[in-house]
Protein backbone atom coordinates (compact mmCIF):
# COMPACT_ATOMS: atom_id res chain seq x y z
CA MET A 1 16.67 127.70 39.78
CA ARG A 2 16.09 124.06 40.65
CA ILE A 3 15.76 124.94 44.34
CA LEU A 4 13.18 127.64 43.52
CA LYS A 5 11.08 125.18 41.47
CA ARG A 6 11.13 122.63 44.29
CA ALA A 7 10.07 125.30 46.77
CA MET A 8 7.20 126.37 44.52
CA ILE A 9 6.05 122.75 44.09
CA PHE A 10 6.24 122.23 47.85
CA ILE A 11 4.13 125.35 48.51
CA LEU A 12 1.62 124.28 45.87
CA LEU A 13 1.26 120.84 47.50
CA ILE A 14 0.65 122.48 50.87
CA ILE A 15 -2.07 124.70 49.37
CA ILE A 16 -3.74 121.69 47.70
CA SER A 17 -3.55 119.70 50.96
CA LEU A 18 -5.14 122.55 52.92
CA GLY A 19 -7.85 122.79 50.29
CA PHE A 20 -8.67 119.09 50.67
CA GLN A 21 -8.80 119.44 54.45
CA LEU A 22 -11.17 122.39 54.26
CA ASN A 23 -13.35 120.54 51.75
CA ALA A 24 -13.48 117.51 54.08
CA GLN A 25 -14.68 119.81 56.86
CA THR A 26 -17.52 121.19 54.72
CA LYS A 27 -20.57 118.97 54.65
CA SER A 28 -24.36 118.97 54.46
CA PRO A 29 -26.49 118.23 57.51
CA GLU A 30 -27.37 114.62 58.33
CA PRO A 31 -30.08 113.04 60.51
CA VAL A 32 -28.66 111.77 63.80
CA SER A 33 -29.89 108.27 62.90
CA GLY A 34 -28.34 108.44 59.42
CA PHE A 35 -30.34 108.62 56.20
CA ALA A 36 -30.98 104.87 55.81
CA LEU A 37 -32.36 104.30 59.31
CA THR A 38 -34.30 107.57 59.25
CA LYS A 39 -36.13 106.37 56.12
CA LYS A 40 -37.16 103.17 57.93
CA ILE A 41 -38.26 105.17 60.98
CA MET A 42 -40.41 107.38 58.75
CA GLN A 43 -42.10 104.27 57.35
CA HIS A 44 -42.91 103.09 60.90
CA HIS A 45 -44.39 106.48 61.83
CA LEU A 46 -46.26 107.30 58.63
CA ILE A 47 -50.05 107.31 59.01
CA TYR A 48 -51.58 107.47 55.54
CA PRO A 49 -54.54 109.89 55.42
CA GLN A 50 -57.59 107.67 54.96
CA LYS A 51 -59.13 109.63 52.09
CA ALA A 52 -55.85 109.67 50.14
CA LEU A 53 -55.42 105.94 50.81
CA GLU A 54 -58.91 105.14 49.51
CA GLN A 55 -58.32 107.27 46.40
CA LYS A 56 -54.90 105.61 45.92
CA LYS A 57 -53.10 108.96 45.86
CA SER A 58 -49.35 108.48 45.76
CA GLY A 59 -46.16 110.40 45.17
CA LYS A 60 -43.27 112.15 46.84
CA ILE A 61 -43.66 115.24 48.99
CA GLU A 62 -40.60 117.42 49.56
CA VAL A 63 -40.59 119.29 52.86
CA PHE A 64 -38.36 122.37 52.97
CA PHE A 65 -36.90 123.70 56.23
CA GLU A 66 -34.16 125.84 57.74
CA LEU A 67 -31.48 124.61 60.14
CA ASP A 68 -29.65 126.79 62.62
CA LYS A 69 -26.04 126.29 63.73
CA GLU A 70 -27.17 123.80 66.41
CA GLY A 71 -29.03 121.67 63.90
CA LYS A 72 -32.50 122.76 65.03
CA ALA A 73 -35.03 122.83 62.20
CA SER A 74 -37.80 125.40 61.67
CA ASN A 75 -40.01 127.01 59.00
CA PHE A 76 -41.31 123.77 57.46
CA THR A 77 -43.08 124.25 54.13
CA VAL A 78 -44.36 122.19 51.19
CA ARG A 79 -44.41 123.87 47.78
CA ASN A 80 -45.95 121.30 45.46
CA GLY A 81 -47.84 118.64 47.41
CA PHE A 82 -50.25 116.34 45.56
CA ASP A 83 -52.60 116.23 48.58
CA ASP A 84 -53.07 118.65 51.50
CA GLU A 85 -53.53 115.94 54.14
CA CYS A 86 -50.46 114.05 52.90
CA ALA A 87 -48.51 117.32 52.96
CA ASP A 88 -49.50 117.84 56.61
CA GLU A 89 -48.42 114.28 57.42
CA ALA A 90 -45.10 114.80 55.63
CA ILE A 91 -44.42 117.94 57.69
CA ARG A 92 -45.36 116.09 60.90
CA LEU A 93 -42.82 113.38 60.10
CA VAL A 94 -40.00 115.71 59.09
CA ARG A 95 -40.51 117.82 62.22
CA GLN A 96 -39.51 114.74 64.23
CA ILE A 97 -36.03 114.47 62.68
CA GLU A 98 -33.03 115.60 64.73
CA TRP A 99 -30.05 116.80 62.68
CA TYR A 100 -26.32 117.14 62.91
CA PRO A 101 -25.70 120.70 61.66
CA ALA A 102 -24.13 121.59 58.33
CA LEU A 103 -20.41 122.40 58.44
CA LYS A 104 -18.48 125.04 56.54
CA ASP A 105 -14.71 125.03 56.96
CA GLY A 106 -15.22 122.76 59.98
CA ARG A 107 -17.66 125.11 61.72
CA PRO A 108 -21.44 124.69 62.18
CA THR A 109 -23.39 126.90 59.83
CA GLU A 110 -26.99 127.75 58.98
CA TYR A 111 -28.53 125.75 56.15
CA LYS A 112 -31.64 125.58 54.00
CA GLY A 113 -32.53 122.01 53.10
CA SER A 114 -35.31 119.56 52.38
CA TYR A 115 -36.40 115.99 53.03
CA VAL A 116 -38.59 113.85 50.76
CA VAL A 117 -41.38 111.66 52.16
CA ASP A 118 -42.66 108.89 49.89
CA PHE A 119 -46.37 108.00 49.88
CA SER A 120 -47.30 104.66 48.31
CA PRO A 121 -50.71 103.06 49.10
CA LYS A 122 -49.50 99.68 47.80
CA SER A 123 -46.40 99.62 50.01
CA TYR A 124 -48.33 100.97 52.99
CA LYS A 125 -51.04 98.30 52.78
CA LYS A 126 -48.46 95.56 52.24
CA THR A 127 -46.55 96.65 55.33
CA GLU A 128 -49.74 96.82 57.41
CA GLU A 129 -50.77 93.32 56.31
CA LYS A 130 -47.34 91.88 57.08
CA ASN A 131 -46.91 93.65 60.42
CA PRO A 132 -50.20 95.21 61.62
CA ARG A 133 -49.66 98.48 63.42
CA VAL A 134 -50.34 98.39 67.15
CA MET A 135 -52.44 101.44 67.95
CA LEU A 136 -52.57 103.07 71.35
CA PRO A 137 -55.97 103.36 73.01
CA GLU A 138 -57.37 106.87 72.98
CA LEU A 139 -55.47 108.96 75.50
CA LYS A 140 -57.14 111.62 77.63
CA TYR A 141 -54.34 114.16 77.19
CA PRO A 142 -53.89 116.41 74.13
CA GLU A 143 -50.61 116.49 72.20
CA GLN A 144 -48.20 119.32 72.97
CA LYS A 145 -47.57 121.35 69.80
CA SER A 146 -44.23 122.93 70.72
CA ASN A 147 -42.09 119.95 69.53
CA THR A 148 -39.95 120.32 72.69
CA ILE A 149 -38.06 117.22 73.84
CA TYR A 150 -38.02 116.46 77.58
CA ILE A 151 -36.01 114.11 79.77
CA ASN A 152 -37.68 111.72 82.19
CA LYS A 153 -37.15 113.73 85.39
CA GLU A 154 -39.01 116.70 83.85
CA LEU A 155 -42.18 114.71 83.26
CA GLN A 156 -45.43 114.45 85.12
CA ARG A 157 -45.71 110.84 83.94
CA SER A 158 -43.03 108.67 82.34
CA PRO A 159 -43.44 106.72 79.09
CA VAL A 160 -44.42 103.06 79.54
CA PRO A 161 -44.24 100.26 76.95
CA TYR A 162 -47.74 99.43 75.70
CA PHE A 163 -48.85 95.87 74.94
CA GLU A 164 -52.32 94.77 73.89
CA ASN A 165 -51.99 91.95 76.43
CA PRO A 166 -51.56 93.72 79.81
CA GLN A 167 -49.78 90.64 81.22
CA VAL A 168 -46.80 91.17 78.89
CA THR A 169 -43.80 93.05 80.29
CA LEU A 170 -40.89 94.68 78.49
CA ALA A 171 -38.57 91.92 79.70
CA ALA A 172 -40.96 89.26 78.38
CA TYR A 173 -41.25 91.06 75.04
CA LEU A 174 -37.46 91.15 74.65
CA ARG A 175 -37.08 87.48 75.64
CA SER A 176 -39.69 86.26 73.18
CA ASN A 177 -38.82 88.53 70.24
CA LEU A 178 -35.03 88.81 70.33
CA VAL A 179 -33.39 86.89 67.48
CA PHE A 180 -29.71 86.29 68.18
CA PRO A 181 -27.82 87.34 65.01
CA GLU A 182 -26.04 84.57 63.10
CA GLN A 183 -22.76 86.49 63.01
CA ALA A 184 -22.85 86.99 66.77
CA LYS A 185 -23.50 83.26 67.21
CA GLN A 186 -20.61 82.33 64.94
CA PHE A 187 -18.07 84.54 66.70
CA GLU A 188 -19.69 84.23 70.15
CA ILE A 189 -20.20 87.98 70.41
CA GLN A 190 -22.10 89.18 73.45
CA GLY A 191 -22.70 92.38 75.35
CA THR A 192 -25.21 95.15 75.94
CA VAL A 193 -26.39 97.49 73.20
CA LYS A 194 -27.41 100.91 74.49
CA LEU A 195 -29.79 102.95 72.35
CA ASN A 196 -30.74 106.59 72.70
CA PHE A 197 -33.97 107.70 71.02
CA ILE A 198 -37.04 109.91 71.18
CA ILE A 199 -40.43 108.51 72.22
CA GLU A 200 -42.82 110.54 70.09
CA THR A 201 -46.35 111.54 71.04
CA ASP A 202 -47.65 108.71 68.82
CA GLY A 203 -45.79 106.25 71.07
CA ARG A 204 -43.12 105.24 68.54
CA ALA A 205 -39.34 105.64 68.66
CA SER A 206 -37.53 108.09 66.40
CA ASN A 207 -33.97 109.42 66.08
CA ILE A 208 -32.45 106.12 67.20
CA VAL A 209 -28.72 106.37 67.94
CA VAL A 210 -26.44 103.54 69.10
CA GLU A 211 -24.57 104.80 72.17
CA ASN A 212 -22.91 101.48 72.99
CA SER A 213 -22.22 99.13 70.09
CA VAL A 214 -21.73 95.37 70.34
CA GLY A 215 -21.43 94.50 66.65
CA GLY A 216 -22.06 91.15 65.01
CA GLY A 217 -25.56 92.25 63.99
CA CYS A 218 -26.62 92.91 67.62
CA ASP A 219 -26.96 96.67 67.06
CA ASN A 220 -29.40 96.16 64.18
CA GLU A 221 -31.41 93.60 66.14
CA ALA A 222 -31.68 95.98 69.12
CA ILE A 223 -32.87 98.73 66.78
CA ARG A 224 -35.49 96.38 65.27
CA LEU A 225 -36.84 95.51 68.72
CA VAL A 226 -37.12 99.17 69.73
CA GLN A 227 -38.73 100.13 66.41
CA ASN A 228 -41.45 97.51 66.93
CA LEU A 229 -42.25 98.76 70.43
CA VAL A 230 -45.10 101.17 71.15
CA TRP A 231 -45.08 103.33 74.26
CA THR A 232 -47.69 105.26 76.17
CA PRO A 233 -46.06 108.71 75.72
CA GLY A 234 -44.68 110.88 78.48
CA VAL A 235 -46.94 113.54 80.00
CA LYS A 236 -46.05 117.07 81.12
CA ASN A 237 -48.54 119.76 82.15
CA ASP A 238 -51.38 117.40 81.19
CA SER A 239 -50.10 117.15 77.60
CA LEU A 240 -48.45 114.33 75.64
CA VAL A 241 -44.82 115.26 74.97
CA ARG A 242 -41.71 114.01 73.21
CA THR A 243 -39.31 112.24 75.56
CA ARG A 244 -35.62 111.45 75.23
CA TRP A 245 -35.08 107.86 76.33
CA THR A 246 -32.36 105.22 76.61
CA GLN A 247 -32.82 101.47 76.43
CA GLU A 248 -30.28 98.72 77.03
CA ILE A 249 -30.69 95.31 75.37
CA THR A 250 -28.34 92.51 76.43
CA PHE A 251 -27.14 89.74 74.14
CA GLN A 252 -25.77 87.00 76.37
CA ILE A 253 -24.30 83.58 75.65
CA GLY A 254 -25.89 80.80 77.71
CA GLU A 255 -24.12 78.03 79.56
CA ARG A 256 -24.32 75.65 76.61
CA ASN A 257 -22.61 76.12 73.27
CA TYR A 258 -24.75 77.68 70.51
CA TYR A 259 -24.42 74.59 68.35
CA GLU A 260 -25.88 72.42 71.13
CA GLY A 261 -29.25 74.05 70.71
CA ASN A 262 -28.98 76.97 73.09
CA SER A 263 -31.98 79.28 72.68
CA TYR A 264 -29.96 82.26 73.99
């Protein structure tokens, strides 16, 4: 009898363990940049409709969509938007997000989800005053509407960093704007952060993913530098298109010790 009870308990534990494993393999979809960084990216990309901004219209707009087993989103809709132009802007932003697919029992599955975009005139104006948005000059090419992402070799013209001062180069921008993280200084961490991201048709980076991590705060600093960059978008078939891009940013210790005043 005792042996039978032990066997039953053992079987029950196995069933519970398998249940936990299956539950761990069932999860909702997630943006490739993670939810926290994606929210910041949305703030960088958001262009508040002028009329709504003047009328101080604010609120949250929930964009509904469907994901396939590969994580590709489609059928974007807004059910209760407080402003039509803001609803269009919310859809434009959510269309940019790349997703890891939902999982059921460890396997990719289709999913119906939503993403909320927050519109706040006060926050928007405050951000613009603190860090004025660099706007691209008017480009002669129209924007491609297909939302397709291309790689560099497929393009008619590659993306190029845009600076209001034409004498500034990407290398000069990185040298003058890179702030060596305190933690990296303290532990003398150095190396090259490699980022993968999408250059959108508005010239800004989205879907930022760290492919090679250095740590010590260097990853976050590299992301900040890329977020603040504006690019002249890639061109294909005389249209502005989304381009998958990689950028390496090196954090290197100089000859002198940090505490001797090295500017890195």
